[in-house]
PDB file of N, CA and C in Angstrom:
ATOM      1  N   MET A   1     102.185  93.053  73.701  1.00  0.00           N
ATOM      2  CA  MET A   1     100.786  93.405  73.491  1.00  0.00           C
ATOM      3  C   MET A   1     100.654  94.933  73.391  1.00  0.00           C
ATOM      4  N   PRO A   2      99.742  95.402  72.575  1.00  0.00           N
ATOM      5  CA  PRO A   2      99.518  96.850  72.508  1.00  0.00           C
ATOM      6  C   PRO A   2      98.831  97.347  73.780  1.00  0.00           C
ATOM      7  N   LYS A   3      98.949  98.621  73.997  1.00  0.00           N
ATOM      8  CA  LYS A   3      98.331  99.244  75.163  1.00  0.00           C
ATOM      9  C   LYS A   3      96.813  99.168  75.054  1.00  0.00           C
ATOM     10  N   THR A   4      96.186  98.773  76.141  1.00  0.00           N
ATOM     11  CA  THR A   4      94.724  98.744  76.232  1.00  0.00           C
ATOM     12  C   THR A   4      94.310  99.693  77.341  1.00  0.00           C
ATOM     13  N   THR A   5      93.336 100.537  77.054  1.00  0.00           N
ATOM     14  CA  THR A   5      92.815 101.476  78.049  1.00  0.00           C
ATOM     15  C   THR A   5      91.321 101.268  78.193  1.00  0.00           C
ATOM     16  N   GLN A   6      90.887 101.253  79.437  1.00  0.00           N
ATOM     17  CA  GLN A   6      89.457 101.164  79.720  1.00  0.00           C
ATOM     18  C   GLN A   6      88.998 102.419  80.447  1.00  0.00           C
ATOM     19  N   LEU A   7      87.849 102.922  80.029  1.00  0.00           N
ATOM     20  CA  LEU A   7      87.136 103.980  80.728  1.00  0.00           C
ATOM     21  C   LEU A   7      86.068 103.279  81.547  1.00  0.00           C
ATOM     22  N   ARG A   8      86.169 103.415  82.853  1.00  0.00           N
ATOM     23  CA  ARG A   8      85.238 102.717  83.741  1.00  0.00           C
ATOM     24  C   ARG A   8      84.370 103.727  84.480  1.00  0.00           C
ATOM     25  N   THR A   9      83.073 103.513  84.405  1.00  0.00           N
ATOM     26  CA  THR A   9      82.115 104.365  85.094  1.00  0.00           C
ATOM     27  C   THR A   9      81.310 103.496  86.047  1.00  0.00           C
ATOM     28  N   TYR A  10      81.386 103.832  87.316  1.00  0.00           N
ATOM     29  CA  TYR A  10      80.693 103.073  88.347  1.00  0.00           C
ATOM     30  C   TYR A  10      79.632 103.949  88.994  1.00  0.00           C
ATOM     31  N   THR A  11      78.420 103.445  89.081  1.00  0.00           N
ATOM     32  CA  THR A  11      77.382 104.112  89.860  1.00  0.00           C
ATOM     33  C   THR A  11      77.439 103.514  91.257  1.00  0.00           C
ATOM     34  N   VAL A  12      77.636 104.379  92.242  1.00  0.00           N
ATOM     35  CA  VAL A  12      77.893 103.962  93.616  1.00  0.00           C
ATOM     36  C   VAL A  12      76.614 104.084  94.447  1.00  0.00           C
ATOM     37  N   ARG A  13      76.453 103.164  95.376  1.00  0.00           N
ATOM     38  CA  ARG A  13      75.292 103.194  96.276  1.00  0.00           C
ATOM     39  C   ARG A  13      75.247 104.528  97.024  1.00  0.00           C
ATOM     40  N   ASP A  14      74.032 105.014  97.247  1.00  0.00           N
ATOM     41  CA  ASP A  14      73.836 106.276  97.961  1.00  0.00           C
ATOM     42  C   ASP A  14      74.590 106.278  99.285  1.00  0.00           C
ATOM     43  N   GLY A  15      75.299 107.373  99.524  1.00  0.00           N
ATOM     44  CA  GLY A  15      76.010 107.560 100.784  1.00  0.00           C
ATOM     45  C   GLY A  15      77.367 106.885 100.872  1.00  0.00           C
ATOM     46  N   LEU A  16      77.783 106.164  99.842  1.00  0.00           N
ATOM     47  CA  LEU A  16      79.042 105.421  99.909  1.00  0.00           C
ATOM     48  C   LEU A  16      80.123 105.923  98.950  1.00  0.00           C
ATOM     49  N   LEU A  17      79.865 107.024  98.254  1.00  0.00           N
ATOM     50  CA  LEU A  17      80.824 107.493  97.246  1.00  0.00           C
ATOM     51  C   LEU A  17      82.183 107.826  97.864  1.00  0.00           C
ATOM     52  N   ASP A  18      82.202 108.587  98.939  1.00  0.00           N
ATOM     53  CA  ASP A  18      83.478 108.970  99.545  1.00  0.00           C
ATOM     54  C   ASP A  18      84.215 107.755 100.112  1.00  0.00           C
ATOM     55  N   GLU A  19      83.491 106.833 100.714  1.00  0.00           N
ATOM     56  CA  GLU A  19      84.113 105.620 101.244  1.00  0.00           C
ATOM     57  C   GLU A  19      84.702 104.785 100.107  1.00  0.00           C
ATOM     58  N   TRP A  20      83.954 104.676  98.999  1.00  0.00           N
ATOM     59  CA  TRP A  20      84.463 103.946  97.843  1.00  0.00           C
ATOM     60  C   TRP A  20      85.759 104.576  97.338  1.00  0.00           C
ATOM     61  N   VAL A  21      85.775 105.898  97.173  1.00  0.00           N
ATOM     62  CA  VAL A  21      86.959 106.592  96.671  1.00  0.00           C
ATOM     63  C   VAL A  21      88.151 106.339  97.591  1.00  0.00           C
ATOM     64  N   GLU A  22      87.942 106.402  98.877  1.00  0.00           N
ATOM     65  CA  GLU A  22      89.024 106.178  99.837  1.00  0.00           C
ATOM     66  C   GLU A  22      89.581 104.753  99.710  1.00  0.00           C
ATOM     67  N   ARG A  23      88.708 103.778  99.648  1.00  0.00           N
ATOM     68  CA  ARG A  23      89.171 102.393  99.515  1.00  0.00           C
ATOM     69  C   ARG A  23      89.851 102.177  98.165  1.00  0.00           C
ATOM     70  N   TRP A  24      89.329 102.782  97.105  1.00  0.00           N
ATOM     71  CA  TRP A  24      89.934 102.670  95.775  1.00  0.00           C
ATOM     72  C   TRP A  24      91.360 103.217  95.826  1.00  0.00           C
ATOM     73  N   ARG A  25      91.502 104.422  96.399  1.00  0.00           N
ATOM     74  CA  ARG A  25      92.815 105.072  96.485  1.00  0.00           C
ATOM     75  C   ARG A  25      93.815 104.270  97.313  1.00  0.00           C
ATOM     76  N   GLU A  26      93.365 103.811  98.482  1.00  0.00           N
ATOM     77  CA  GLU A  26      94.277 103.191  99.440  1.00  0.00           C
ATOM     78  C   GLU A  26      94.541 101.712  99.182  1.00  0.00           C
ATOM     79  N   GLU A  27      93.601 101.007  98.559  1.00  0.00           N
ATOM     80  CA  GLU A  27      93.749  99.563  98.410  1.00  0.00           C
ATOM     81  C   GLU A  27      93.887  99.121  96.948  1.00  0.00           C
ATOM     82  N   ILE A  28      92.997  99.612  96.113  1.00  0.00           N
ATOM     83  CA  ILE A  28      92.976  99.137  94.730  1.00  0.00           C
ATOM     84  C   ILE A  28      94.130  99.716  93.915  1.00  0.00           C
ATOM     85  N   VAL A  29      94.326 101.014  93.985  1.00  0.00           N
ATOM     86  CA  VAL A  29      95.357 101.656  93.162  1.00  0.00           C
ATOM     87  C   VAL A  29      96.748 101.077  93.417  1.00  0.00           C
ATOM     88  N   PRO A  30      97.205 100.945  94.673  1.00  0.00           N
ATOM     89  CA  PRO A  30      98.558 100.416  94.862  1.00  0.00           C
ATOM     90  C   PRO A  30      98.760  99.031  94.250  1.00  0.00           C
ATOM     91  N   LEU A  31      97.770  98.162  94.368  1.00  0.00           N
ATOM     92  CA  LEU A  31      97.907  96.821  93.806  1.00  0.00           C
ATOM     93  C   LEU A  31      97.874  96.866  92.282  1.00  0.00           C
ATOM     94  N   ARG A  32      96.996  97.672  91.721  1.00  0.00           N
ATOM     95  CA  ARG A  32      96.955  97.816  90.261  1.00  0.00           C
ATOM     96  C   ARG A  32      98.311  98.294  89.732  1.00  0.00           C
ATOM     97  N   LEU A  33      98.888  99.296  90.381  1.00  0.00           N
ATOM     98  CA  LEU A  33     100.183  99.819  89.945  1.00  0.00           C
ATOM     99  C   LEU A  33     101.278  98.761  90.092  1.00  0.00           C
ATOM    100  N   GLU A  34     101.250  98.038  91.194  1.00  0.00           N
ATOM    101  CA  GLU A  34     102.230  96.973  91.430  1.00  0.00           C
ATOM    102  C   GLU A  34     102.168  95.909  90.333  1.00  0.00           C
ATOM    103  N   LEU A  35     100.984  95.669  89.803  1.00  0.00           N
ATOM    104  CA  LEU A  35     100.803  94.655  88.772  1.00  0.00           C
ATOM    105  C   LEU A  35     100.979  95.191  87.351  1.00  0.00           C
ATOM    106  N   GLY A  36     101.441  96.436  87.236  1.00  0.00           N
ATOM    107  CA  GLY A  36     101.790  96.974  85.925  1.00  0.00           C
ATOM    108  C   GLY A  36     100.726  97.788  85.226  1.00  0.00           C
ATOM    109  N   PHE A  37      99.617  98.036  85.893  1.00  0.00           N
ATOM    110  CA  PHE A  37      98.580  98.886  85.310  1.00  0.00           C
ATOM    111  C   PHE A  37      98.970 100.353  85.507  1.00  0.00           C
ATOM    112  N   ALA A  38      98.416 101.221  84.693  1.00  0.00           N
ATOM    113  CA  ALA A  38      98.573 102.665  84.848  1.00  0.00           C
ATOM    114  C   ALA A  38      97.190 103.261  85.042  1.00  0.00           C
ATOM    115  N   ILE A  39      97.106 104.239  85.922  1.00  0.00           N
ATOM    116  CA  ILE A  39      95.851 104.937  86.169  1.00  0.00           C
ATOM    117  C   ILE A  39      95.948 106.298  85.487  1.00  0.00           C
ATOM    118  N   GLY A  40      95.045 106.564  84.543  1.00  0.00           N
ATOM    119  CA  GLY A  40      95.091 107.800  83.768  1.00  0.00           C
ATOM    120  C   GLY A  40      94.324 108.948  84.385  1.00  0.00           C
ATOM    121  N   GLY A  41      93.659 108.694  85.485  1.00  0.00           N
ATOM    122  CA  GLY A  41      92.892 109.728  86.170  1.00  0.00           C
ATOM    123  C   GLY A  41      91.643 109.122  86.778  1.00  0.00           C
ATOM    124  N   ALA A  42      91.063 109.862  87.701  1.00  0.00           N
ATOM    125  CA  ALA A  42      89.824 109.430  88.349  1.00  0.00           C
ATOM    126  C   ALA A  42      89.030 110.663  88.756  1.00  0.00           C
ATOM    127  N   TRP A  43      87.716 110.568  88.617  1.00  0.00           N
ATOM    128  CA  TRP A  43      86.833 111.690  88.882  1.00  0.00           C
ATOM    129  C   TRP A  43      85.570 111.204  89.562  1.00  0.00           C
ATOM    130  N   VAL A  44      84.913 112.100  90.286  1.00  0.00           N
ATOM    131  CA  VAL A  44      83.584 111.802  90.819  1.00  0.00           C
ATOM    132  C   VAL A  44      82.581 112.763  90.212  1.00  0.00           C
ATOM    133  N   ASP A  45      81.413 112.258  89.945  1.00  0.00           N
ATOM    134  CA  ASP A  45      80.266 113.050  89.514  1.00  0.00           C
ATOM    135  C   ASP A  45      79.250 112.908  90.640  1.00  0.00           C
ATOM    136  N   ARG A  46      79.300 113.833  91.576  1.00  0.00           N
ATOM    137  CA  ARG A  46      78.463 113.725  92.780  1.00  0.00           C
ATOM    138  C   ARG A  46      76.975 113.792  92.455  1.00  0.00           C
ATOM    139  N   GLU A  47      76.633 114.563  91.438  1.00  0.00           N
ATOM    140  CA  GLU A  47      75.227 114.688  91.068  1.00  0.00           C
ATOM    141  C   GLU A  47      74.638 113.340  90.642  1.00  0.00           C
ATOM    142  N   SER A  48      75.444 112.526  89.976  1.00  0.00           N
ATOM    143  CA  SER A  48      74.982 111.222  89.500  1.00  0.00           C
ATOM    144  C   SER A  48      75.454 110.073  90.389  1.00  0.00           C
ATOM    145  N   ASN A  49      76.185 110.415  91.458  1.00  0.00           N
ATOM    146  CA  ASN A  49      76.736 109.410  92.370  1.00  0.00           C
ATOM    147  C   ASN A  49      77.608 108.414  91.600  1.00  0.00           C
ATOM    148  N   GLN A  50      78.474 108.955  90.720  1.00  0.00           N
ATOM    149  CA  GLN A  50      79.311 108.109  89.890  1.00  0.00           C
ATOM    150  C   GLN A  50      80.799 108.364  90.131  1.00  0.00           C
ATOM    151  N   PHE A  51      81.551 107.304  89.940  1.00  0.00           N
ATOM    152  CA  PHE A  51      83.002 107.319  90.005  1.00  0.00           C
ATOM    153  C   PHE A  51      83.500 106.893  88.631  1.00  0.00           C
ATOM    154  N   ILE A  52      84.369 107.711  88.023  1.00  0.00           N
ATOM    155  CA  ILE A  52      84.852 107.470  86.662  1.00  0.00           C
ATOM    156  C   ILE A  52      86.368 107.424  86.706  1.00  0.00           C
ATOM    157  N   TRP A  53      86.944 106.420  86.040  1.00  0.00           N
ATOM    158  CA  TRP A  53      88.406 106.342  86.008  1.00  0.00           C
ATOM    159  C   TRP A  53      88.909 105.687  84.733  1.00  0.00           C
ATOM    160  N   LEU A  54      90.197 105.958  84.437  1.00  0.00           N
ATOM    161  CA  LEU A  54      90.880 105.369  83.292  1.00  0.00           C
ATOM    162  C   LEU A  54      91.963 104.433  83.804  1.00  0.00           C
ATOM    163  N   ILE A  55      91.982 103.224  83.274  1.00  0.00           N
ATOM    164  CA  ILE A  55      93.003 102.251  83.625  1.00  0.00           C
ATOM    165  C   ILE A  55      93.575 101.667  82.342  1.00  0.00           C
ATOM    166  N   SER A  56      94.907 101.534  82.302  1.00  0.00           N
ATOM    167  CA  SER A  56      95.577 101.021  81.108  1.00  0.00           C
ATOM    168  C   SER A  56      96.550  99.915  81.494  1.00  0.00           C
ATOM    169  N   TYR A  57      96.816  99.085  80.510  1.00  0.00           N
ATOM    170  CA  TYR A  57      97.864  98.062  80.666  1.00  0.00           C
ATOM    171  C   TYR A  57      98.546  97.879  79.325  1.00  0.00           C
ATOM    172  N   GLU A  58      99.876  97.862  79.378  1.00  0.00           N
ATOM    173  CA  GLU A  58     100.688  97.589  78.198  1.00  0.00           C
ATOM    174  C   GLU A  58     101.822  96.694  78.663  1.00  0.00           C
ATOM    175  N   GLY A  59     101.783  95.450  78.260  1.00  0.00           N
ATOM    176  CA  GLY A  59     102.801  94.516  78.714  1.00  0.00           C
ATOM    177  C   GLY A  59     102.745  93.237  77.917  1.00  0.00           C
ATOM    178  N   PRO A  60     103.396  92.203  78.444  1.00  0.00           N
ATOM    179  CA  PRO A  60     103.486  90.947  77.696  1.00  0.00           C
ATOM    180  C   PRO A  60     102.171  90.168  77.619  1.00  0.00           C
ATOM    181  N   GLU A  61     101.238  90.466  78.510  1.00  0.00           N
ATOM    182  CA  GLU A  61      99.949  89.771  78.523  1.00  0.00           C
ATOM    183  C   GLU A  61      98.866  90.694  77.981  1.00  0.00           C
ATOM    184  N   THR A  62      97.706  90.138  77.734  1.00  0.00           N
ATOM    185  CA  THR A  62      96.569  90.978  77.362  1.00  0.00           C
ATOM    186  C   THR A  62      96.024  91.657  78.613  1.00  0.00           C
ATOM    187  N   PHE A  63      95.236  92.680  78.401  1.00  0.00           N
ATOM    188  CA  PHE A  63      94.584  93.352  79.528  1.00  0.00           C
ATOM    189  C   PHE A  63      93.764  92.344  80.324  1.00  0.00           C
ATOM    190  N   ALA A  64      93.005  91.504  79.619  1.00  0.00           N
ATOM    191  CA  ALA A  64      92.145  90.522  80.287  1.00  0.00           C
ATOM    192  C   ALA A  64      92.962  89.545  81.131  1.00  0.00           C
ATOM    193  N   GLU A  65      94.093  89.093  80.602  1.00  0.00           N
ATOM    194  CA  GLU A  65      94.939  88.167  81.363  1.00  0.00           C
ATOM    195  C   GLU A  65      95.502  88.838  82.614  1.00  0.00           C
ATOM    196  N   ARG A  66      95.950  90.073  82.464  1.00  0.00           N
ATOM    197  CA  ARG A  66      96.517  90.784  83.615  1.00  0.00           C
ATOM    198  C   ARG A  66      95.430  91.120  84.628  1.00  0.00           C
ATOM    199  N   ASN A  67      94.243  91.435  84.133  1.00  0.00           N
ATOM    200  CA  ASN A  67      93.126  91.727  85.025  1.00  0.00           C
ATOM    201  C   ASN A  67      92.740  90.480  85.826  1.00  0.00           C
ATOM    202  N   ALA A  68      92.774  89.325  85.186  1.00  0.00           N
ATOM    203  CA  ALA A  68      92.483  88.067  85.883  1.00  0.00           C
ATOM    204  C   ALA A  68      93.520  87.818  86.972  1.00  0.00           C
ATOM    205  N   LEU A  69      94.783  88.156  86.703  1.00  0.00           N
ATOM    206  CA  LEU A  69      95.827  88.021  87.709  1.00  0.00           C
ATOM    207  C   LEU A  69      95.537  88.921  88.906  1.00  0.00           C
ATOM    208  N   TYR A  70      95.110  90.142  88.641  1.00  0.00           N
ATOM    209  CA  TYR A  70      94.730  91.066  89.720  1.00  0.00           C
ATOM    210  C   TYR A  70      93.651  90.442  90.601  1.00  0.00           C
ATOM    211  N   TRP A  71      92.578  89.967  89.984  1.00  0.00           N
ATOM    212  CA  TRP A  71      91.451  89.439  90.748  1.00  0.00           C
ATOM    213  C   TRP A  71      91.796  88.158  91.513  1.00  0.00           C
ATOM    214  N   SER A  72      92.720  87.366  91.000  1.00  0.00           N
ATOM    215  CA  SER A  72      93.065  86.105  91.666  1.00  0.00           C
ATOM    216  C   SER A  72      94.217  86.245  92.659  1.00  0.00           C
ATOM    217  N   SER A  73      94.812  87.424  92.739  1.00  0.00           N
ATOM    218  CA  SER A  73      95.973  87.607  93.611  1.00  0.00           C
ATOM    219  C   SER A  73      95.583  87.516  95.086  1.00  0.00           C
ATOM    220  N   PRO A  74      96.488  86.998  95.913  1.00  0.00           N
ATOM    221  CA  PRO A  74      96.235  86.935  97.354  1.00  0.00           C
ATOM    222  C   PRO A  74      96.007  88.322  97.959  1.00  0.00           C
ATOM    223  N   GLU A  75      96.712  89.330  97.409  1.00  0.00           N
ATOM    224  CA  GLU A  75      96.556  90.698  97.926  1.00  0.00           C
ATOM    225  C   GLU A  75      95.137  91.211  97.693  1.00  0.00           C
ATOM    226  N   ARG A  76      94.573  90.904  96.522  1.00  0.00           N
ATOM    227  CA  ARG A  76      93.214  91.352  96.220  1.00  0.00           C
ATOM    228  C   ARG A  76      92.217  90.640  97.129  1.00  0.00           C
ATOM    229  N   LYS A  77      92.408  89.350  97.313  1.00  0.00           N
ATOM    230  CA  LYS A  77      91.513  88.586  98.183  1.00  0.00           C
ATOM    231  C   LYS A  77      91.590  89.074  99.619  1.00  0.00           C
ATOM    232  N   ALA A  78      92.791  89.476 100.068  1.00  0.00           N
ATOM    233  CA  ALA A  78      92.979  89.940 101.443  1.00  0.00           C
ATOM    234  C   ALA A  78      92.292  91.279 101.720  1.00  0.00           C
ATOM    235  N   MET A  79      91.954  92.023 100.674  1.00  0.00           N
ATOM    236  CA  MET A  79      91.275  93.312 100.871  1.00  0.00           C
ATOM    237  C   MET A  79      89.912  93.139 101.544  1.00  0.00           C
ATOM    238  N   GLY A  80      89.264  92.025 101.282  1.00  0.00           N
ATOM    239  CA  GLY A  80      87.913  91.857 101.808  1.00  0.00           C
ATOM    240  C   GLY A  80      86.969  92.903 101.238  1.00  0.00           C
ATOM    241  N   LEU A  81      87.214  93.293 100.016  1.00  0.00           N
ATOM    242  CA  LEU A  81      86.434  94.347  99.357  1.00  0.00           C
ATOM    243  C   LEU A  81      85.582  93.729  98.264  1.00  0.00           C
ATOM    244  N   ASN A  82      84.292  93.692  98.481  1.00  0.00           N
ATOM    245  CA  ASN A  82      83.356  93.185  97.486  1.00  0.00           C
ATOM    246  C   ASN A  82      82.740  94.384  96.770  1.00  0.00           C
ATOM    247  N   PRO A  83      83.042  94.556  95.483  1.00  0.00           N
ATOM    248  CA  PRO A  83      82.491  95.711  94.763  1.00  0.00           C
ATOM    249  C   PRO A  83      80.965  95.805  94.845  1.00  0.00           C
ATOM    250  N   ASP A  84      80.287  94.679  94.931  1.00  0.00           N
ATOM    251  CA  ASP A  84      78.824  94.708  95.005  1.00  0.00           C
ATOM    252  C   ASP A  84      78.309  95.412  96.257  1.00  0.00           C
ATOM    253  N   ASP A  85      79.137  95.526  97.284  1.00  0.00           N
ATOM    254  CA  ASP A  85      78.740  96.257  98.488  1.00  0.00           C
ATOM    255  C   ASP A  85      78.671  97.758  98.224  1.00  0.00           C
ATOM    256  N   TYR A  86      79.366  98.213  97.191  1.00  0.00           N
ATOM    257  CA  TYR A  86      79.465  99.642  96.886  1.00  0.00           C
ATOM    258  C   TYR A  86      78.811 100.044  95.570  1.00  0.00           C
ATOM    259  N   LEU A  87      78.876  99.166  94.576  1.00  0.00           N
ATOM    260  CA  LEU A  87      78.504  99.555  93.225  1.00  0.00           C
ATOM    261  C   LEU A  87      77.174  98.955  92.803  1.00  0.00           C
ATOM    262  N   VAL A  88      76.305  99.795  92.242  1.00  0.00           N
ATOM    263  CA  VAL A  88      75.023  99.302  91.743  1.00  0.00           C
ATOM    264  C   VAL A  88      75.060  99.063  90.237  1.00  0.00           C
ATOM    265  N   HIS A  89      76.031  99.680  89.550  1.00  0.00           N
ATOM    266  CA  HIS A  89      76.155  99.492  88.098  1.00  0.00           C
ATOM    267  C   HIS A  89      77.581  99.829  87.682  1.00  0.00           C
ATOM    268  N   THR A  90      78.106  99.058  86.740  1.00  0.00           N
ATOM    269  CA  THR A  90      79.423  99.354  86.172  1.00  0.00           C
ATOM    270  C   THR A  90      79.330  99.361  84.659  1.00  0.00           C
ATOM    271  N   ASP A  91      80.086 100.247  84.057  1.00  0.00           N
ATOM    272  CA  ASP A  91      80.184 100.326  82.599  1.00  0.00           C
ATOM    273  C   ASP A  91      81.659 100.439  82.262  1.00  0.00           C
ATOM    274  N   ASP A  92      82.233  99.375  81.695  1.00  0.00           N
ATOM    275  CA  ASP A  92      83.642  99.349  81.313  1.00  0.00           C
ATOM    276  C   ASP A  92      83.734  99.388  79.798  1.00  0.00           C
ATOM    277  N   ARG A  93      84.418 100.377  79.280  1.00  0.00           N
ATOM    278  CA  ARG A  93      84.567 100.530  77.832  1.00  0.00           C
ATOM    279  C   ARG A  93      86.041 100.585  77.465  1.00  0.00           C
ATOM    280  N   THR A  94      86.424  99.790  76.493  1.00  0.00           N
ATOM    281  CA  THR A  94      87.771  99.871  75.967  1.00  0.00           C
ATOM    282  C   THR A  94      87.797 101.018  74.962  1.00  0.00           C
ATOM    283  N   VAL A  95      88.749 101.934  75.163  1.00  0.00           N
ATOM    284  CA  VAL A  95      88.816 103.150  74.353  1.00  0.00           C
ATOM    285  C   VAL A  95      90.211 103.294  73.744  1.00  0.00           C
ATOM    286  N   GLU A  96      90.290 104.069  72.671  1.00  0.00           N
ATOM    287  CA  GLU A  96      91.564 104.391  72.013  1.00  0.00           C
ATOM    288  C   GLU A  96      91.770 105.886  72.030  1.00  0.00           C
ATOM    289  N   GLY A  97      92.989 106.287  72.330  1.00  0.00           N
ATOM    290  CA  GLY A  97      93.319 107.697  72.258  1.00  0.00           C
ATOM    291  C   GLY A  97      93.431 108.155  70.812  1.00  0.00           C
ATOM    292  N   VAL A  98      92.973 109.354  70.530  1.00  0.00           N
ATOM    293  CA  VAL A  98      93.090 109.909  69.193  1.00  0.00           C
ATOM    294  C   VAL A  98      93.875 111.227  69.199  1.00  0.00           C
ATOM    295  N   TYR A  99      94.275 111.645  70.375  1.00  0.00           N
ATOM    296  CA  TYR A  99      95.021 112.899  70.501  1.00  0.00           C
ATOM    297  C   TYR A  99      96.050 112.767  71.577  1.00  0.00           C
TER     298      TYR A  99
END
């Protein structure tokens, strides 16, 4: 499968941005990497209370198939992390590099 990259922008509930970033770093990133995803960077926009990151997958499955594996994995379920507790809005866009 060709490489798929998503630009994800999350609007985080007031007062929870730093906690979200910590949980993302410590729990989500290691599992994503273990499952073959690559993280292209992550940023916070404190003025807008947003968390922005790039995630890619290039492997034998589609991004959607691999993402479904992530969500159904026992490790993901064991996190006890419900994104709705932190995020009020998400915008996921599939993007292509041009440079």
